[in-house]
Amino acid sequence: MLDQGGYLKIIDFGLSKDRFGYTDRTNAICGTRTYMAPEMFMNIGYGMAADWWALGISIYAMLMYELPFNNEDQNELVNSILYDEIELPEELSEDVCKLIYECSLVVVLAFN
């Protein structure tokens, strides 16, 4: 979305939590599965790091015109998100690959 000044704003269409801090965790399952972070499927609770994961998936989708994990079978989709690595094509710059990788790494660090 664009604000009144023409600046891009990322929004969540009402899925955010009010007064949700950096160390808070939730178990609510909401959103589009293809953008959900792995810990959302593990029933262990998740925090703000899940948003960084979704940003990495969004960047990948915008650059590659496809999702890194995309399967019509929902069980296989979840298994891919949980266990498969995102394959980054050689034509992507080193900076873009690092950004996507670091978005997914935030989830791993927050989980541990």
N, C-alpha and C. Protein backbone atom coordinates (compact mmCIF):
# COMPACT_ATOMS: atom_id res chain seq x y z
N MET A 1 0.84 -1.17 0.00
CA MET A 1 0.00 0.00 0.00
C MET A 1 0.90 1.24 0.00
N LEU A 2 0.35 2.34 -0.44
CA LEU A 2 1.07 3.61 -0.43
C LEU A 2 0.43 4.56 0.57
N ASP A 3 1.28 5.30 1.30
CA ASP A 3 0.72 6.28 2.23
C ASP A 3 0.44 7.59 1.47
N GLN A 4 0.00 8.61 2.19
CA GLN A 4 -0.37 9.87 1.56
C GLN A 4 0.81 10.55 0.86
N GLY A 5 2.02 10.25 1.34
CA GLY A 5 3.22 10.83 0.73
C GLY A 5 3.78 9.99 -0.41
N GLY A 6 3.13 8.88 -0.74
CA GLY A 6 3.59 8.03 -1.82
C GLY A 6 4.61 6.99 -1.40
N TYR A 7 4.82 6.82 -0.08
CA TYR A 7 5.78 5.84 0.41
C TYR A 7 5.11 4.48 0.60
N LEU A 8 5.85 3.44 0.27
CA LEU A 8 5.37 2.08 0.39
C LEU A 8 5.21 1.70 1.86
N LYS A 9 4.09 1.11 2.21
CA LYS A 9 3.84 0.62 3.55
C LYS A 9 3.44 -0.85 3.47
N ILE A 10 4.06 -1.66 4.29
CA ILE A 10 3.70 -3.07 4.36
C ILE A 10 2.60 -3.20 5.41
N ILE A 11 1.52 -3.85 5.05
CA ILE A 11 0.39 -3.99 5.95
C ILE A 11 0.03 -5.47 6.10
N ASP A 12 -0.80 -5.76 7.07
CA ASP A 12 -1.14 -7.16 7.33
C ASP A 12 -2.63 -7.45 7.24
N PHE A 13 -3.44 -6.50 6.83
CA PHE A 13 -4.88 -6.70 6.67
C PHE A 13 -5.54 -7.22 7.95
N GLY A 14 -5.08 -6.71 9.09
CA GLY A 14 -5.74 -7.04 10.35
C GLY A 14 -5.23 -8.28 11.06
N LEU A 15 -4.11 -8.83 10.65
CA LEU A 15 -3.60 -10.02 11.32
C LEU A 15 -2.62 -9.70 12.44
N SER A 16 -2.33 -8.44 12.67
CA SER A 16 -1.34 -8.09 13.70
C SER A 16 -1.93 -8.19 15.09
N LYS A 17 -1.05 -8.25 16.06
CA LYS A 17 -1.45 -8.31 17.46
C LYS A 17 -1.13 -6.96 18.10
N ASP A 18 -2.05 -6.45 18.88
CA ASP A 18 -1.87 -5.19 19.59
C ASP A 18 -0.90 -5.39 20.76
N ARG A 19 0.05 -4.48 20.89
CA ARG A 19 1.03 -4.51 21.97
C ARG A 19 1.82 -5.81 22.03
N PHE A 20 2.24 -6.29 20.89
CA PHE A 20 3.01 -7.52 20.79
C PHE A 20 4.48 -7.13 20.77
N GLY A 21 5.24 -7.54 21.80
CA GLY A 21 6.64 -7.15 21.93
C GLY A 21 7.60 -8.13 21.27
N TYR A 22 8.87 -7.76 21.28
CA TYR A 22 9.90 -8.58 20.64
C TYR A 22 10.06 -9.95 21.28
N THR A 23 9.80 -10.06 22.55
CA THR A 23 9.96 -11.34 23.23
C THR A 23 8.66 -12.11 23.39
N ASP A 24 7.55 -11.52 22.97
CA ASP A 24 6.25 -12.19 23.08
C ASP A 24 6.12 -13.30 22.04
N ARG A 25 5.30 -14.29 22.37
CA ARG A 25 5.04 -15.40 21.46
C ARG A 25 3.54 -15.65 21.41
N THR A 26 3.09 -16.20 20.30
CA THR A 26 1.68 -16.53 20.13
C THR A 26 1.57 -17.90 19.48
N ASN A 27 0.42 -18.51 19.59
CA ASN A 27 0.14 -19.80 18.96
C ASN A 27 -0.93 -19.69 17.89
N ALA A 28 -1.43 -18.48 17.65
CA ALA A 28 -2.50 -18.29 16.67
C ALA A 28 -2.00 -18.67 15.27
N ILE A 29 -2.78 -19.44 14.58
CA ILE A 29 -2.43 -19.82 13.20
C ILE A 29 -3.31 -19.00 12.27
N CYS A 30 -2.68 -18.08 11.54
CA CYS A 30 -3.42 -17.24 10.61
C CYS A 30 -2.49 -16.84 9.47
N GLY A 31 -3.07 -16.49 8.37
CA GLY A 31 -2.28 -16.08 7.22
C GLY A 31 -2.31 -17.12 6.11
N THR A 32 -1.51 -16.89 5.11
CA THR A 32 -1.41 -17.77 3.94
C THR A 32 -0.28 -18.76 4.17
N ARG A 33 -0.57 -20.03 4.06
CA ARG A 33 0.42 -21.08 4.40
C ARG A 33 1.75 -20.91 3.68
N THR A 34 1.74 -20.51 2.43
CA THR A 34 2.99 -20.42 1.68
C THR A 34 3.93 -19.36 2.23
N TYR A 35 3.42 -18.46 3.07
CA TYR A 35 4.25 -17.41 3.67
C TYR A 35 4.52 -17.66 5.15
N MET A 36 3.98 -18.71 5.71
CA MET A 36 4.12 -18.98 7.14
C MET A 36 5.51 -19.54 7.46
N ALA A 37 6.06 -19.07 8.57
CA ALA A 37 7.36 -19.53 9.05
C ALA A 37 7.25 -20.95 9.61
N PRO A 38 8.35 -21.70 9.57
CA PRO A 38 8.30 -23.10 10.04
C PRO A 38 7.74 -23.28 11.44
N GLU A 39 8.11 -22.40 12.38
CA GLU A 39 7.66 -22.62 13.76
C GLU A 39 6.16 -22.46 13.92
N MET A 40 5.49 -21.85 12.94
CA MET A 40 4.04 -21.73 13.01
C MET A 40 3.36 -23.09 12.88
N PHE A 41 4.05 -24.04 12.25
CA PHE A 41 3.49 -25.37 12.05
C PHE A 41 3.93 -26.35 13.14
N MET A 42 4.80 -25.89 14.05
CA MET A 42 5.38 -26.79 15.04
C MET A 42 4.67 -26.73 16.40
N ASN A 43 3.65 -25.89 16.53
CA ASN A 43 2.90 -25.76 17.77
C ASN A 43 3.79 -25.43 18.97
N ILE A 44 4.79 -24.57 18.74
CA ILE A 44 5.68 -24.17 19.83
C ILE A 44 5.58 -22.67 20.11
N GLY A 45 4.72 -22.00 19.38
CA GLY A 45 4.61 -20.56 19.51
C GLY A 45 5.62 -19.87 18.61
N TYR A 46 5.31 -18.67 18.22
CA TYR A 46 6.22 -17.92 17.36
C TYR A 46 6.12 -16.44 17.72
N GLY A 47 7.12 -15.71 17.31
CA GLY A 47 7.19 -14.29 17.60
C GLY A 47 7.31 -13.48 16.33
N MET A 48 7.85 -12.28 16.49
CA MET A 48 7.97 -11.34 15.36
C MET A 48 8.89 -11.85 14.25
N ALA A 49 9.76 -12.77 14.56
CA ALA A 49 10.66 -13.29 13.54
C ALA A 49 9.89 -13.93 12.38
N ALA A 50 8.68 -14.39 12.64
CA ALA A 50 7.86 -14.98 11.56
C ALA A 50 7.58 -13.94 10.48
N ASP A 51 7.51 -12.66 10.85
CA ASP A 51 7.30 -11.60 9.86
C ASP A 51 8.51 -11.44 8.95
N TRP A 52 9.72 -11.63 9.51
CA TRP A 52 10.93 -11.55 8.68
C TRP A 52 10.94 -12.69 7.67
N TRP A 53 10.52 -13.87 8.11
CA TRP A 53 10.42 -15.02 7.20
C TRP A 53 9.49 -14.67 6.03
N ALA A 54 8.31 -14.14 6.36
CA ALA A 54 7.33 -13.80 5.33
C ALA A 54 7.89 -12.74 4.38
N LEU A 55 8.67 -11.80 4.90
CA LEU A 55 9.30 -10.80 4.04
C LEU A 55 10.28 -11.46 3.07
N GLY A 56 11.07 -12.40 3.56
CA GLY A 56 12.00 -13.12 2.68
C GLY A 56 11.27 -13.88 1.59
N ILE A 57 10.17 -14.52 1.94
CA ILE A 57 9.36 -15.24 0.96
C ILE A 57 8.79 -14.27 -0.06
N SER A 58 8.33 -13.10 0.40
CA SER A 58 7.77 -12.08 -0.49
C SER A 58 8.82 -11.55 -1.47
N ILE A 59 10.02 -11.30 -0.96
CA ILE A 59 11.11 -10.83 -1.83
C ILE A 59 11.41 -11.87 -2.90
N TYR A 60 11.52 -13.12 -2.49
CA TYR A 60 11.77 -14.21 -3.44
C TYR A 60 10.68 -14.24 -4.50
N ALA A 61 9.43 -14.17 -4.07
CA ALA A 61 8.30 -14.24 -5.01
C ALA A 61 8.31 -13.06 -5.99
N MET A 62 8.65 -11.87 -5.50
CA MET A 62 8.69 -10.71 -6.39
C MET A 62 9.80 -10.82 -7.42
N LEU A 63 10.91 -11.41 -7.05
CA LEU A 63 12.04 -11.52 -7.98
C LEU A 63 11.92 -12.71 -8.92
N MET A 64 11.37 -13.81 -8.44
CA MET A 64 11.34 -15.04 -9.22
C MET A 64 9.98 -15.33 -9.86
N TYR A 65 8.97 -14.54 -9.54
CA TYR A 65 7.61 -14.73 -10.06
C TYR A 65 7.04 -16.09 -9.69
N GLU A 66 7.52 -16.64 -8.61
CA GLU A 66 7.00 -17.89 -8.07
C GLU A 66 7.39 -17.98 -6.60
N LEU A 67 6.72 -18.83 -5.87
CA LEU A 67 7.02 -19.03 -4.46
C LEU A 67 8.07 -20.12 -4.29
N PRO A 68 8.94 -19.99 -3.29
CA PRO A 68 9.96 -21.02 -3.09
C PRO A 68 9.37 -22.35 -2.63
N PHE A 69 8.29 -22.30 -1.88
CA PHE A 69 7.58 -23.50 -1.43
C PHE A 69 6.16 -23.38 -1.96
N ASN A 70 5.84 -24.19 -2.96
CA ASN A 70 4.53 -24.06 -3.57
C ASN A 70 4.07 -25.45 -4.01
N ASN A 71 3.16 -26.00 -3.27
CA ASN A 71 2.65 -27.32 -3.57
C ASN A 71 1.16 -27.33 -3.30
N GLU A 72 0.39 -27.88 -4.21
CA GLU A 72 -1.06 -27.93 -4.01
C GLU A 72 -1.45 -28.83 -2.85
N ASP A 73 -0.68 -29.86 -2.62
CA ASP A 73 -0.94 -30.74 -1.48
C ASP A 73 -0.45 -30.02 -0.22
N GLN A 74 -1.37 -29.71 0.69
CA GLN A 74 -1.04 -28.91 1.88
C GLN A 74 -0.05 -29.60 2.81
N ASN A 75 -0.12 -30.92 2.91
CA ASN A 75 0.84 -31.65 3.75
C ASN A 75 2.24 -31.56 3.17
N GLU A 76 2.37 -31.69 1.86
CA GLU A 76 3.68 -31.58 1.23
C GLU A 76 4.21 -30.15 1.31
N LEU A 77 3.32 -29.17 1.21
CA LEU A 77 3.72 -27.78 1.35
C LEU A 77 4.32 -27.54 2.74
N VAL A 78 3.63 -27.98 3.76
CA VAL A 78 4.11 -27.81 5.14
C VAL A 78 5.45 -28.53 5.33
N ASN A 79 5.56 -29.74 4.81
CA ASN A 79 6.82 -30.48 4.93
C ASN A 79 7.96 -29.75 4.22
N SER A 80 7.69 -29.15 3.08
CA SER A 80 8.72 -28.37 2.38
C SER A 80 9.17 -27.18 3.20
N ILE A 81 8.21 -26.47 3.79
CA ILE A 81 8.55 -25.31 4.62
C ILE A 81 9.38 -25.74 5.83
N LEU A 82 9.02 -26.87 6.43
CA LEU A 82 9.73 -27.35 7.61
C LEU A 82 11.12 -27.90 7.31
N TYR A 83 11.30 -28.58 6.19
CA TYR A 83 12.52 -29.35 5.99
C TYR A 83 13.36 -28.98 4.78
N ASP A 84 12.79 -28.30 3.79
CA ASP A 84 13.56 -27.97 2.58
C ASP A 84 14.21 -26.61 2.71
N GLU A 85 15.35 -26.46 2.07
CA GLU A 85 16.01 -25.16 2.00
C GLU A 85 15.50 -24.41 0.79
N ILE A 86 15.48 -23.09 0.90
CA ILE A 86 15.11 -22.27 -0.26
C ILE A 86 16.26 -22.32 -1.24
N GLU A 87 15.96 -22.69 -2.49
CA GLU A 87 16.98 -22.74 -3.52
C GLU A 87 17.04 -21.38 -4.21
N LEU A 88 18.20 -20.75 -4.13
CA LEU A 88 18.39 -19.43 -4.72
C LEU A 88 19.14 -19.57 -6.04
N PRO A 89 18.53 -19.15 -7.14
CA PRO A 89 19.16 -19.27 -8.45
C PRO A 89 20.43 -18.43 -8.56
N GLU A 90 21.33 -18.85 -9.41
CA GLU A 90 22.61 -18.16 -9.59
C GLU A 90 22.44 -16.75 -10.14
N GLU A 91 21.35 -16.48 -10.86
CA GLU A 91 21.18 -15.15 -11.45
C GLU A 91 20.84 -14.06 -10.43
N LEU A 92 20.51 -14.46 -9.20
CA LEU A 92 20.26 -13.47 -8.17
C LEU A 92 21.59 -12.95 -7.64
N SER A 93 21.63 -11.66 -7.34
CA SER A 93 22.87 -11.06 -6.83
C SER A 93 23.21 -11.62 -5.46
N GLU A 94 24.46 -11.48 -5.08
CA GLU A 94 24.90 -11.94 -3.78
C GLU A 94 24.16 -11.21 -2.66
N ASP A 95 23.91 -9.91 -2.85
CA ASP A 95 23.20 -9.12 -1.84
C ASP A 95 21.77 -9.61 -1.64
N VAL A 96 21.09 -9.90 -2.74
CA VAL A 96 19.70 -10.38 -2.64
C VAL A 96 19.68 -11.75 -1.97
N CYS A 97 20.59 -12.63 -2.35
CA CYS A 97 20.64 -13.95 -1.73
C CYS A 97 20.90 -13.83 -0.23
N LYS A 98 21.79 -12.92 0.15
CA LYS A 98 22.09 -12.72 1.57
C LYS A 98 20.86 -12.20 2.31
N LEU A 99 20.13 -11.26 1.70
CA LEU A 99 18.93 -10.72 2.33
C LEU A 99 17.89 -11.81 2.56
N ILE A 100 17.61 -12.61 1.55
CA ILE A 100 16.62 -13.69 1.68
C ILE A 100 17.08 -14.70 2.72
N TYR A 101 18.35 -15.05 2.68
CA TYR A 101 18.89 -16.00 3.65
C TYR A 101 18.78 -15.46 5.07
N GLU A 102 19.12 -14.19 5.26
CA GLU A 102 19.07 -13.61 6.60
C GLU A 102 17.63 -13.48 7.11
N CYS A 103 16.67 -13.27 6.23
CA CYS A 103 15.27 -13.25 6.67
C CYS A 103 14.86 -14.61 7.21
N SER A 104 15.33 -15.68 6.58
CA SER A 104 15.00 -17.01 7.08
C SER A 104 15.83 -17.36 8.31
N LEU A 105 17.02 -16.81 8.42
CA LEU A 105 17.88 -17.08 9.56
C LEU A 105 17.32 -16.46 10.84
N VAL A 106 16.64 -15.34 10.74
CA VAL A 106 16.05 -14.70 11.92
C VAL A 106 15.12 -15.67 12.63
N VAL A 107 14.38 -16.46 11.87
CA VAL A 107 13.47 -17.43 12.45
C VAL A 107 14.26 -18.50 13.20
N VAL A 108 15.32 -18.97 12.61
CA VAL A 108 16.14 -20.02 13.24
C VAL A 108 16.73 -19.50 14.55
N LEU A 109 17.25 -18.28 14.55
CA LEU A 109 17.85 -17.71 15.75
C LEU A 109 16.80 -17.46 16.82
N ALA A 110 15.62 -17.00 16.42
CA ALA A 110 14.56 -16.75 17.40
C ALA A 110 14.03 -18.05 17.99
N PHE A 111 14.08 -19.10 17.20
CA PHE A 111 13.57 -20.39 17.65
C PHE A 111 14.48 -21.02 18.70
N ASN A 112 15.78 -20.78 18.58
CA ASN A 112 16.74 -21.41 19.50
C ASN A 112 16.94 -20.64 20.75
